[in-house]
Amino acid sequence: MVKARIMGDSEGVYANELRAMLRPFVFRRYIDFSVIQSLRNMKG
């Protein structure tokens, strides 16, 4: 898992484009139990 944030002008055109592009990858619409189990396996 990676934490990240936009540095610089957070309300600029490029920042909004980047947010729109990354949002589907960062926030899943639905979570299922296999995802939770995978996270448990990764964390050990």
Protein backbone atom coordinates (compact mmCIF):
# COMPACT_ATOMS: atom_id res chain seq x y z
CA MET A 1 0.00 0.00 0.00
CA VAL A 2 1.24 3.45 -0.85
CA LYS A 3 0.22 6.81 0.54
CA ALA A 4 0.58 9.78 -1.76
CA ARG A 5 -0.59 13.32 -2.16
CA ILE A 6 -0.27 16.00 -4.79
CA MET A 7 2.40 18.57 -4.04
CA GLY A 8 1.97 22.12 -5.22
CA ASP A 9 -1.27 23.73 -6.29
CA SER A 10 -3.93 21.24 -5.23
CA GLU A 11 -6.69 23.04 -7.13
CA GLY A 12 -4.88 23.39 -10.45
CA VAL A 13 -5.93 21.88 -13.76
CA TYR A 14 -3.23 19.20 -13.64
CA ALA A 15 -4.11 18.23 -10.07
CA ASN A 16 -7.75 17.73 -11.02
CA GLU A 17 -6.77 15.66 -14.07
CA LEU A 18 -4.49 13.50 -11.95
CA ARG A 19 -7.19 12.97 -9.32
CA ALA A 20 -9.72 11.98 -11.98
CA MET A 21 -7.25 9.52 -13.50
CA LEU A 22 -6.20 7.90 -10.19
CA ARG A 23 -9.54 7.79 -8.39
CA PRO A 24 -10.79 4.48 -9.90
CA PHE A 25 -7.53 2.79 -8.87
CA VAL A 26 -7.43 4.16 -5.34
CA PHE A 27 -11.05 3.85 -4.24
CA ARG A 28 -12.91 0.70 -5.20
CA ARG A 29 -16.66 0.95 -5.56
CA TYR A 30 -17.27 -2.40 -3.92
CA ILE A 31 -15.17 -4.43 -1.55
CA ASP A 32 -15.49 -8.16 -1.17
CA PHE A 33 -14.14 -10.58 1.38
CA SER A 34 -11.37 -11.82 -0.90
CA VAL A 35 -9.83 -8.33 -0.82
CA ILE A 36 -9.89 -8.31 2.97
CA GLN A 37 -8.31 -11.77 3.07
CA SER A 38 -5.61 -10.69 0.62
CA LEU A 39 -4.76 -7.72 2.83
CA ARG A 40 -4.53 -10.00 5.85
CA ASN A 41 -2.17 -12.29 3.97
CA MET A 42 0.03 -9.36 2.92
CA LYS A 43 0.23 -7.95 6.42
CA GLY A 44 1.21 -11.33 7.79
